[in-house]
Amino acid sequence: DATPIVVWNSTNRCNLSCQHCYINAEDKEYAGE
């Protein structure tokens, strides 16, 4: 069936800056979370 596993990007903030990050996360506060 189509009851999904949900991946929740609970924050954009990250303490690293990885080359292959799919959401371009950075170590800073983000509005609207």
Full PDB file with SEQRES, HELIX, SHEET, SSBOND, CRYST1, ORIGX, SCALE, CONECT and MASTER records, all heavy atoms in Angstrom:
SEQRES   1 A   33  ASP ALA THR PRO ILE VAL VAL TRP ASN SER THR ASN ARG          
SEQRES   2 A   33  CYS ASN LEU SER CYS GLN HIS CYS TYR ILE ASN ALA GLU          
SEQRES   3 A   33  ASP LYS GLU TYR ALA GLY GLU                                  
CRYST1    1.000    1.000    1.000  90.00  90.00  90.00 P 1           1          
ORIGX1      1.000000  0.000000  0.000000        0.00000                         
ORIGX2      0.000000  1.000000  0.000000        0.00000                         
ORIGX3      0.000000  0.000000  1.000000        0.00000                         
SCALE1      1.000000  0.000000  0.000000        0.00000                         
SCALE2      0.000000  1.000000  0.000000        0.00000                         
SCALE3      0.000000  0.000000  1.000000        0.00000                         
ATOM      1  N   ASP A   1       0.830  -1.204   0.000  1.00  0.00           N  
ATOM      2  CA  ASP A   1       0.000   0.000   0.000  1.00  0.00           C  
ATOM      3  C   ASP A   1       0.865   1.255   0.000  1.00  0.00           C  
ATOM      4  O   ASP A   1       2.090   1.186   0.015  1.00  0.00           O  
ATOM      5  CB  ASP A   1      -0.953  -0.004   1.194  1.00  0.00           C  
ATOM      6  CG  ASP A   1      -0.221  -0.149   2.518  1.00  0.00           C  
ATOM      7  OD1 ASP A   1       0.336   0.859   2.990  1.00  0.00           O  
ATOM      8  OD2 ASP A   1      -0.206  -1.271   3.078  1.00  0.00           O  
ATOM      9  N   ALA A   2       0.200   2.416  -0.006  1.00  0.00           N  
ATOM     10  CA  ALA A   2       0.911   3.695  -0.124  1.00  0.00           C  
ATOM     11  C   ALA A   2       0.998   4.431   1.212  1.00  0.00           C  
ATOM     12  O   ALA A   2       1.021   5.656   1.243  1.00  0.00           O  
ATOM     13  CB  ALA A   2       0.231   4.571  -1.167  1.00  0.00           C  
ATOM     14  N   THR A   3       1.028   3.676   2.318  1.00  0.00           N  
ATOM     15  CA  THR A   3       1.282   4.304   3.615  1.00  0.00           C  
ATOM     16  C   THR A   3       2.792   4.415   3.768  1.00  0.00           C  
ATOM     17  O   THR A   3       3.489   3.410   3.878  1.00  0.00           O  
ATOM     18  CB  THR A   3       0.693   3.464   4.762  1.00  0.00           C  
ATOM     19  OG1 THR A   3      -0.704   3.265   4.527  1.00  0.00           O  
ATOM     20  CG2 THR A   3       0.882   4.178   6.093  1.00  0.00           C  
ATOM     21  N   PRO A   4       3.323   5.634   3.763  1.00  0.00           N  
ATOM     22  CA  PRO A   4       4.774   5.779   3.590  1.00  0.00           C  
ATOM     23  C   PRO A   4       5.573   5.834   4.886  1.00  0.00           C  
ATOM     24  O   PRO A   4       5.064   6.173   5.959  1.00  0.00           O  
ATOM     25  CB  PRO A   4       4.876   7.136   2.892  1.00  0.00           C  
ATOM     26  CG  PRO A   4       3.767   7.924   3.541  1.00  0.00           C  
ATOM     27  CD  PRO A   4       2.640   6.933   3.761  1.00  0.00           C  
ATOM     28  N   ILE A   5       6.838   5.496   4.768  1.00  0.00           N  
ATOM     29  CA  ILE A   5       7.831   5.945   5.733  1.00  0.00           C  
ATOM     30  C   ILE A   5       8.020   7.437   5.489  1.00  0.00           C  
ATOM     31  O   ILE A   5       8.142   7.872   4.343  1.00  0.00           O  
ATOM     32  CB  ILE A   5       9.167   5.192   5.525  1.00  0.00           C  
ATOM     33  CG1 ILE A   5       8.998   3.711   5.902  1.00  0.00           C  
ATOM     34  CG2 ILE A   5      10.300   5.841   6.306  1.00  0.00           C  
ATOM     35  CD1 ILE A   5      10.202   2.868   5.531  1.00  0.00           C  
ATOM     36  N   VAL A   6       8.020   8.236   6.556  1.00  0.00           N  
ATOM     37  CA  VAL A   6       8.155   9.683   6.406  1.00  0.00           C  
ATOM     38  C   VAL A   6       9.541  10.122   6.861  1.00  0.00           C  
ATOM     39  O   VAL A   6       9.942   9.876   8.000  1.00  0.00           O  
ATOM     40  CB  VAL A   6       7.074  10.432   7.208  1.00  0.00           C  
ATOM     41  CG1 VAL A   6       7.282  11.945   7.095  1.00  0.00           C  
ATOM     42  CG2 VAL A   6       5.680  10.062   6.706  1.00  0.00           C  
ATOM     43  N   VAL A   7      10.265  10.745   5.944  1.00  0.00           N  
ATOM     44  CA  VAL A   7      11.548  11.364   6.264  1.00  0.00           C  
ATOM     45  C   VAL A   7      11.264  12.832   6.580  1.00  0.00           C  
ATOM     46  O   VAL A   7      10.816  13.580   5.704  1.00  0.00           O  
ATOM     47  CB  VAL A   7      12.540  11.262   5.090  1.00  0.00           C  
ATOM     48  CG1 VAL A   7      13.848  11.971   5.441  1.00  0.00           C  
ATOM     49  CG2 VAL A   7      12.793   9.799   4.731  1.00  0.00           C  
ATOM     50  N   TRP A   8      11.484  13.225   7.831  1.00  0.00           N  
ATOM     51  CA  TRP A   8      11.230  14.609   8.226  1.00  0.00           C  
ATOM     52  C   TRP A   8      12.562  15.324   8.433  1.00  0.00           C  
ATOM     53  O   TRP A   8      13.316  14.978   9.341  1.00  0.00           O  
ATOM     54  CB  TRP A   8      10.393  14.662   9.508  1.00  0.00           C  
ATOM     55  CG  TRP A   8      10.161  16.069   9.998  1.00  0.00           C  
ATOM     56  CD1 TRP A   8      10.007  17.189   9.238  1.00  0.00           C  
ATOM     57  CD2 TRP A   8      10.071  16.490  11.361  1.00  0.00           C  
ATOM     58  NE1 TRP A   8       9.819  18.291  10.046  1.00  0.00           N  
ATOM     59  CE2 TRP A   8       9.852  17.898  11.347  1.00  0.00           C  
ATOM     60  CE3 TRP A   8      10.136  15.822  12.589  1.00  0.00           C  
ATOM     61  CZ2 TRP A   8       9.715  18.634  12.529  1.00  0.00           C  
ATOM     62  CZ3 TRP A   8      10.003  16.555  13.755  1.00  0.00           C  
ATOM     63  CH2 TRP A   8       9.784  17.947  13.722  1.00  0.00           C  
ATOM     64  N   ASN A   9      12.842  16.282   7.566  1.00  0.00           N  
ATOM     65  CA  ASN A   9      14.000  17.149   7.781  1.00  0.00           C  
ATOM     66  C   ASN A   9      13.625  18.113   8.905  1.00  0.00           C  
ATOM     67  O   ASN A   9      13.098  19.193   8.661  1.00  0.00           O  
ATOM     68  CB  ASN A   9      14.362  17.906   6.507  1.00  0.00           C  
ATOM     69  CG  ASN A   9      14.764  16.984   5.384  1.00  0.00           C  
ATOM     70  OD1 ASN A   9      14.035  16.828   4.402  1.00  0.00           O  
ATOM     71  ND2 ASN A   9      15.902  16.352   5.518  1.00  0.00           N  
ATOM     72  N   SER A  10      13.888  17.687  10.130  1.00  0.00           N  
ATOM     73  CA  SER A  10      13.392  18.410  11.301  1.00  0.00           C  
ATOM     74  C   SER A  10      14.069  19.759  11.495  1.00  0.00           C  
ATOM     75  O   SER A  10      13.554  20.615  12.212  1.00  0.00           O  
ATOM     76  CB  SER A  10      13.565  17.549  12.555  1.00  0.00           C  
ATOM     77  OG  SER A  10      14.914  17.143  12.713  1.00  0.00           O  
ATOM     78  N   THR A  11      15.210  19.961  10.861  1.00  0.00           N  
ATOM     79  CA  THR A  11      15.901  21.249  10.868  1.00  0.00           C  
ATOM     80  C   THR A  11      16.837  21.334   9.677  1.00  0.00           C  
ATOM     81  O   THR A  11      17.333  20.313   9.200  1.00  0.00           O  
ATOM     82  CB  THR A  11      16.700  21.462  12.174  1.00  0.00           C  
ATOM     83  OG1 THR A  11      17.345  22.744  12.136  1.00  0.00           O  
ATOM     84  CG2 THR A  11      17.756  20.380  12.367  1.00  0.00           C  
ATOM     85  N   ASN A  12      17.062  22.541   9.194  1.00  0.00           N  
ATOM     86  CA  ASN A  12      18.067  22.766   8.152  1.00  0.00           C  
ATOM     87  C   ASN A  12      19.460  22.917   8.745  1.00  0.00           C  
ATOM     88  O   ASN A  12      20.459  22.801   8.033  1.00  0.00           O  
ATOM     89  CB  ASN A  12      17.748  24.038   7.363  1.00  0.00           C  
ATOM     90  CG  ASN A  12      16.975  23.766   6.097  1.00  0.00           C  
ATOM     91  OD1 ASN A  12      15.799  24.083   6.003  1.00  0.00           O  
ATOM     92  ND2 ASN A  12      17.623  23.163   5.109  1.00  0.00           N  
ATOM     93  N   ARG A  13      19.512  23.195  10.041  1.00  0.00           N  
ATOM     94  CA  ARG A  13      20.795  23.490  10.670  1.00  0.00           C  
ATOM     95  C   ARG A  13      21.663  22.243  10.782  1.00  0.00           C  
ATOM     96  O   ARG A  13      21.182  21.149  11.076  1.00  0.00           O  
ATOM     97  CB  ARG A  13      20.584  24.096  12.047  1.00  0.00           C  
ATOM     98  CG  ARG A  13      21.876  24.588  12.687  1.00  0.00           C  
ATOM     99  CD  ARG A  13      21.619  25.391  13.940  1.00  0.00           C  
ATOM    100  NE  ARG A  13      22.869  25.984  14.426  1.00  0.00           N  
ATOM    101  CZ  ARG A  13      22.946  26.838  15.430  1.00  0.00           C  
ATOM    102  NH1 ARG A  13      21.845  27.214  16.053  1.00  0.00           N  
ATOM    103  NH2 ARG A  13      24.121  27.327  15.795  1.00  0.00           N  
ATOM    104  N   CYS A  14      22.968  22.406  10.549  1.00  0.00           N  
ATOM    105  CA  CYS A  14      23.914  21.302  10.683  1.00  0.00           C  
ATOM    106  C   CYS A  14      25.262  21.857  11.125  1.00  0.00           C  
ATOM    107  O   CYS A  14      25.649  22.957  10.735  1.00  0.00           O  
ATOM    108  CB  CYS A  14      24.066  20.553   9.354  1.00  0.00           C  
ATOM    109  SG  CYS A  14      25.118  19.074   9.489  1.00  0.00           S  
ATOM    110  N   ASN A  15      25.958  21.079  11.921  1.00  0.00           N  
ATOM    111  CA  ASN A  15      27.278  21.497  12.400  1.00  0.00           C  
ATOM    112  C   ASN A  15      28.389  21.218  11.397  1.00  0.00           C  
ATOM    113  O   ASN A  15      29.536  21.596  11.622  1.00  0.00           O  
ATOM    114  CB  ASN A  15      27.596  20.804  13.729  1.00  0.00           C  
ATOM    115  CG  ASN A  15      27.628  19.287  13.611  1.00  0.00           C  
ATOM    116  OD1 ASN A  15      26.748  18.689  12.987  1.00  0.00           O  
ATOM    117  ND2 ASN A  15      28.615  18.654  14.210  1.00  0.00           N  
ATOM    118  N   LEU A  16      28.056  20.568  10.264  1.00  0.00           N  
ATOM    119  CA  LEU A  16      29.025  20.313   9.209  1.00  0.00           C  
ATOM    120  C   LEU A  16      28.531  20.926   7.898  1.00  0.00           C  
ATOM    121  O   LEU A  16      27.408  21.428   7.821  1.00  0.00           O  
ATOM    122  CB  LEU A  16      29.250  18.803   9.042  1.00  0.00           C  
ATOM    123  CG  LEU A  16      29.812  18.050  10.256  1.00  0.00           C  
ATOM    124  CD1 LEU A  16      29.937  16.569   9.935  1.00  0.00           C  
ATOM    125  CD2 LEU A  16      31.158  18.622  10.690  1.00  0.00           C  
ATOM    126  N   SER A  17      29.364  20.847   6.858  1.00  0.00           N  
ATOM    127  CA  SER A  17      28.994  21.369   5.541  1.00  0.00           C  
ATOM    128  C   SER A  17      29.425  20.358   4.491  1.00  0.00           C  
ATOM    129  O   SER A  17      30.462  20.507   3.841  1.00  0.00           O  
ATOM    130  CB  SER A  17      29.661  22.726   5.289  1.00  0.00           C  
ATOM    131  OG  SER A  17      29.269  23.260   4.044  1.00  0.00           O  
ATOM    132  N   CYS A  18      28.617  19.334   4.310  1.00  0.00           N  
ATOM    133  CA  CYS A  18      29.003  18.189   3.478  1.00  0.00           C  
ATOM    134  C   CYS A  18      28.801  18.473   1.991  1.00  0.00           C  
ATOM    135  O   CYS A  18      27.809  19.084   1.594  1.00  0.00           O  
ATOM    136  CB  CYS A  18      28.198  16.957   3.885  1.00  0.00           C  
ATOM    137  SG  CYS A  18      28.319  16.603   5.658  1.00  0.00           S  
ATOM    138  N   GLN A  19      29.732  17.986   1.175  1.00  0.00           N  
ATOM    139  CA  GLN A  19      29.710  18.261  -0.254  1.00  0.00           C  
ATOM    140  C   GLN A  19      28.451  17.752  -0.941  1.00  0.00           C  
ATOM    141  O   GLN A  19      27.960  18.352  -1.897  1.00  0.00           O  
ATOM    142  CB  GLN A  19      30.939  17.637  -0.928  1.00  0.00           C  
ATOM    143  CG  GLN A  19      32.253  18.306  -0.598  1.00  0.00           C  
ATOM    144  CD  GLN A  19      33.398  17.709  -1.415  1.00  0.00           C  
ATOM    145  OE1 GLN A  19      33.197  17.272  -2.539  1.00  0.00           O  
ATOM    146  NE2 GLN A  19      34.583  17.694  -0.842  1.00  0.00           N  
ATOM    147  N   HIS A  20      27.925  16.605  -0.490  1.00  0.00           N  
ATOM    148  CA  HIS A  20      26.795  15.984  -1.181  1.00  0.00           C  
ATOM    149  C   HIS A  20      25.458  16.216  -0.482  1.00  0.00           C  
ATOM    150  O   HIS A  20      24.499  15.492  -0.717  1.00  0.00           O  
ATOM    151  CB  HIS A  20      27.039  14.488  -1.354  1.00  0.00           C  
ATOM    152  CG  HIS A  20      27.507  13.795  -0.100  1.00  0.00           C  
ATOM    153  ND1 HIS A  20      27.025  14.101   1.145  1.00  0.00           N  
ATOM    154  CD2 HIS A  20      28.431  12.834   0.084  1.00  0.00           C  
ATOM    155  CE1 HIS A  20      27.634  13.342   2.040  1.00  0.00           C  
ATOM    156  NE2 HIS A  20      28.499  12.564   1.424  1.00  0.00           N  
ATOM    157  N   CYS A  21      25.377  17.221   0.403  1.00  0.00           N  
ATOM    158  CA  CYS A  21      24.133  17.485   1.136  1.00  0.00           C  
ATOM    159  C   CYS A  21      23.015  17.859   0.171  1.00  0.00           C  
ATOM    160  O   CYS A  21      23.165  18.743  -0.668  1.00  0.00           O  
ATOM    161  CB  CYS A  21      24.344  18.618   2.140  1.00  0.00           C  
ATOM    162  SG  CYS A  21      22.861  19.004   3.101  1.00  0.00           S  
ATOM    163  N   TYR A  22      21.858  17.201   0.296  1.00  0.00           N  
ATOM    164  CA  TYR A  22      20.774  17.447  -0.648  1.00  0.00           C  
ATOM    165  C   TYR A  22      19.906  18.634  -0.260  1.00  0.00           C  
ATOM    166  O   TYR A  22      19.003  19.022  -1.021  1.00  0.00           O  
ATOM    167  CB  TYR A  22      19.921  16.182  -0.845  1.00  0.00           C  
ATOM    168  CG  TYR A  22      19.224  15.648   0.392  1.00  0.00           C  
ATOM    169  CD1 TYR A  22      17.997  16.145   0.797  1.00  0.00           C  
ATOM    170  CD2 TYR A  22      19.782  14.614   1.140  1.00  0.00           C  
ATOM    171  CE1 TYR A  22      17.347  15.648   1.919  1.00  0.00           C  
ATOM    172  CE2 TYR A  22      19.153  14.108   2.255  1.00  0.00           C  
ATOM    173  CZ  TYR A  22      17.935  14.630   2.645  1.00  0.00           C  
ATOM    174  OH  TYR A  22      17.287  14.126   3.759  1.00  0.00           O  
ATOM    175  N   ILE A  23      20.124  19.238   0.942  1.00  0.00           N  
ATOM    176  CA  ILE A  23      19.363  20.436   1.288  1.00  0.00           C  
ATOM    177  C   ILE A  23      20.272  21.636   1.588  1.00  0.00           C  
ATOM    178  O   ILE A  23      19.814  22.644   2.129  1.00  0.00           O  
ATOM    179  CB  ILE A  23      18.400  20.203   2.470  1.00  0.00           C  
ATOM    180  CG1 ILE A  23      19.157  19.857   3.753  1.00  0.00           C  
ATOM    181  CG2 ILE A  23      17.378  19.140   2.154  1.00  0.00           C  
ATOM    182  CD1 ILE A  23      18.248  19.898   4.989  1.00  0.00           C  
ATOM    183  N   ASN A  24      21.550  21.535   1.261  1.00  0.00           N  
ATOM    184  CA  ASN A  24      22.484  22.655   1.443  1.00  0.00           C  
ATOM    185  C   ASN A  24      22.503  23.174   2.879  1.00  0.00           C  
ATOM    186  O   ASN A  24      22.507  24.391   3.116  1.00  0.00           O  
ATOM    187  CB  ASN A  24      22.132  23.802   0.478  1.00  0.00           C  
ATOM    188  CG  ASN A  24      22.250  23.410  -0.975  1.00  0.00           C  
ATOM    189  OD1 ASN A  24      23.287  22.945  -1.424  1.00  0.00           O  
ATOM    190  ND2 ASN A  24      21.167  23.572  -1.721  1.00  0.00           N  
ATOM    191  N   ALA A  25      22.522  22.272   3.842  1.00  0.00           N  
ATOM    192  CA  ALA A  25      22.461  22.659   5.249  1.00  0.00           C  
ATOM    193  C   ALA A  25      23.728  23.398   5.679  1.00  0.00           C  
ATOM    194  O   ALA A  25      24.832  23.108   5.213  1.00  0.00           O  
ATOM    195  CB  ALA A  25      22.262  21.416   6.115  1.00  0.00           C  
ATOM    196  N   GLU A  26      23.550  24.362   6.609  1.00  0.00           N  
ATOM    197  CA  GLU A  26      24.661  25.117   7.165  1.00  0.00           C  
ATOM    198  C   GLU A  26      24.463  25.278   8.663  1.00  0.00           C  
ATOM    199  O   GLU A  26      23.366  25.072   9.190  1.00  0.00           O  
ATOM    200  CB  GLU A  26      24.761  26.497   6.495  1.00  0.00           C  
ATOM    201  CG  GLU A  26      25.051  26.456   5.005  1.00  0.00           C  
ATOM    202  CD  GLU A  26      25.123  27.850   4.402  1.00  0.00           C  
ATOM    203  OE1 GLU A  26      25.448  28.808   5.140  1.00  0.00           O  
ATOM    204  OE2 GLU A  26      24.854  27.976   3.201  1.00  0.00           O  
ATOM    205  N   ASP A  27      25.523  25.704   9.350  1.00  0.00           N  
ATOM    206  CA  ASP A  27      25.461  25.883  10.800  1.00  0.00           C  
ATOM    207  C   ASP A  27      24.987  27.293  11.127  1.00  0.00           C  
ATOM    208  O   ASP A  27      25.769  28.183  11.473  1.00  0.00           O  
ATOM    209  CB  ASP A  27      26.836  25.617  11.426  1.00  0.00           C  
ATOM    210  CG  ASP A  27      26.757  25.505  12.958  1.00  0.00           C  
ATOM    211  OD1 ASP A  27      25.631  25.551  13.497  1.00  0.00           O  
ATOM    212  OD2 ASP A  27      27.812  25.373  13.592  1.00  0.00           O  
ATOM    213  N   LYS A  28      23.687  27.500  10.982  1.00  0.00           N  
ATOM    214  CA  LYS A  28      23.074  28.790  11.290  1.00  0.00           C  
ATOM    215  C   LYS A  28      21.603  28.573  11.612  1.00  0.00           C  
ATOM    216  O   LYS A  28      21.036  27.516  11.328  1.00  0.00           O  
ATOM    217  CB  LYS A  28      23.213  29.750  10.110  1.00  0.00           C  
ATOM    218  CG  LYS A  28      22.440  29.328   8.865  1.00  0.00           C  
ATOM    219  CD  LYS A  28      22.598  30.332   7.730  1.00  0.00           C  
ATOM    220  CE  LYS A  28      21.726  29.953   6.527  1.00  0.00           C  
ATOM    221  NZ  LYS A  28      21.875  30.930   5.415  1.00  0.00           N  
ATOM    222  N   GLU A  29      20.985  29.570  12.233  1.00  0.00           N  
ATOM    223  CA  GLU A  29      19.566  29.497  12.543  1.00  0.00           C  
ATOM    224  C   GLU A  29      18.752  29.712  11.263  1.00  0.00           C  
ATOM    225  O   GLU A  29      19.081  30.569  10.433  1.00  0.00           O  
ATOM    226  CB  GLU A  29      19.188  30.557  13.568  1.00  0.00           C  
ATOM    227  CG  GLU A  29      19.816  30.358  14.942  1.00  0.00           C  
ATOM    228  CD  GLU A  29      19.216  29.178  15.691  1.00  0.00           C  
ATOM    229  OE1 GLU A  29      18.116  28.727  15.307  1.00  0.00           O  
ATOM    230  OE2 GLU A  29      19.850  28.712  16.657  1.00  0.00           O  
ATOM    231  N   TYR A  30      17.682  28.931  11.103  1.00  0.00           N  
ATOM    232  CA  TYR A  30      16.790  29.069   9.958  1.00  0.00           C  
ATOM    233  C   TYR A  30      15.395  29.460  10.439  1.00  0.00           C  
ATOM    234  O   TYR A  30      14.889  28.896  11.423  1.00  0.00           O  
ATOM    235  CB  TYR A  30      16.697  27.759   9.183  1.00  0.00           C  
ATOM    236  CG  TYR A  30      17.936  27.402   8.390  1.00  0.00           C  
ATOM    237  CD1 TYR A  30      19.010  26.743   8.978  1.00  0.00           C  
ATOM    238  CD2 TYR A  30      18.030  27.727   7.036  1.00  0.00           C  
ATOM    239  CE1 TYR A  30      20.148  26.409   8.252  1.00  0.00           C  
ATOM    240  CE2 TYR A  30      19.161  27.390   6.294  1.00  0.00           C  
ATOM    241  CZ  TYR A  30      20.213  26.738   6.911  1.00  0.00           C  
ATOM    242  OH  TYR A  30      21.330  26.412   6.175  1.00  0.00           O  
ATOM    243  N   ALA A  31      14.792  30.399   9.754  1.00  0.00           N  
ATOM    244  CA  ALA A  31      13.444  30.835  10.116  1.00  0.00           C  
ATOM    245  C   ALA A  31      12.402  29.856   9.594  1.00  0.00           C  
ATOM    246  O   ALA A  31      12.615  29.158   8.607  1.00  0.00           O  
ATOM    247  CB  ALA A  31      13.181  32.228   9.542  1.00  0.00           C  
ATOM    248  N   GLY A  32      11.259  29.810  10.273  1.00  0.00           N  
ATOM    249  CA  GLY A  32      10.101  29.081   9.773  1.00  0.00           C  
ATOM    250  C   GLY A  32      10.055  27.598  10.069  1.00  0.00           C  
ATOM    251  O   GLY A  32       9.184  26.891   9.552  1.00  0.00           O  
ATOM    252  N   GLU A  33      10.961  27.097  10.910  1.00  0.00           N  
ATOM    253  CA  GLU A  33      10.928  25.676  11.240  1.00  0.00           C  
ATOM    254  C   GLU A  33       9.837  25.398  12.268  1.00  0.00           C  
ATOM    255  O   GLU A  33       9.413  26.282  13.006  1.00  0.00           O  
ATOM    256  CB  GLU A  33      12.302  25.221  11.738  1.00  0.00           C  
ATOM    257  CG  GLU A  33      13.368  25.374  10.669  1.00  0.00           C  
ATOM    258  CD  GLU A  33      14.724  24.807  11.057  1.00  0.00           C  
ATOM    259  OE1 GLU A  33      14.900  24.405  12.221  1.00  0.00           O  
ATOM    260  OE2 GLU A  33      15.607  24.760  10.177  1.00  0.00           O  
TER     261      GLU A  33                                                      
MASTER        0    0    0    0    0    0    0    6  260    1    0    3          
END                                                                             
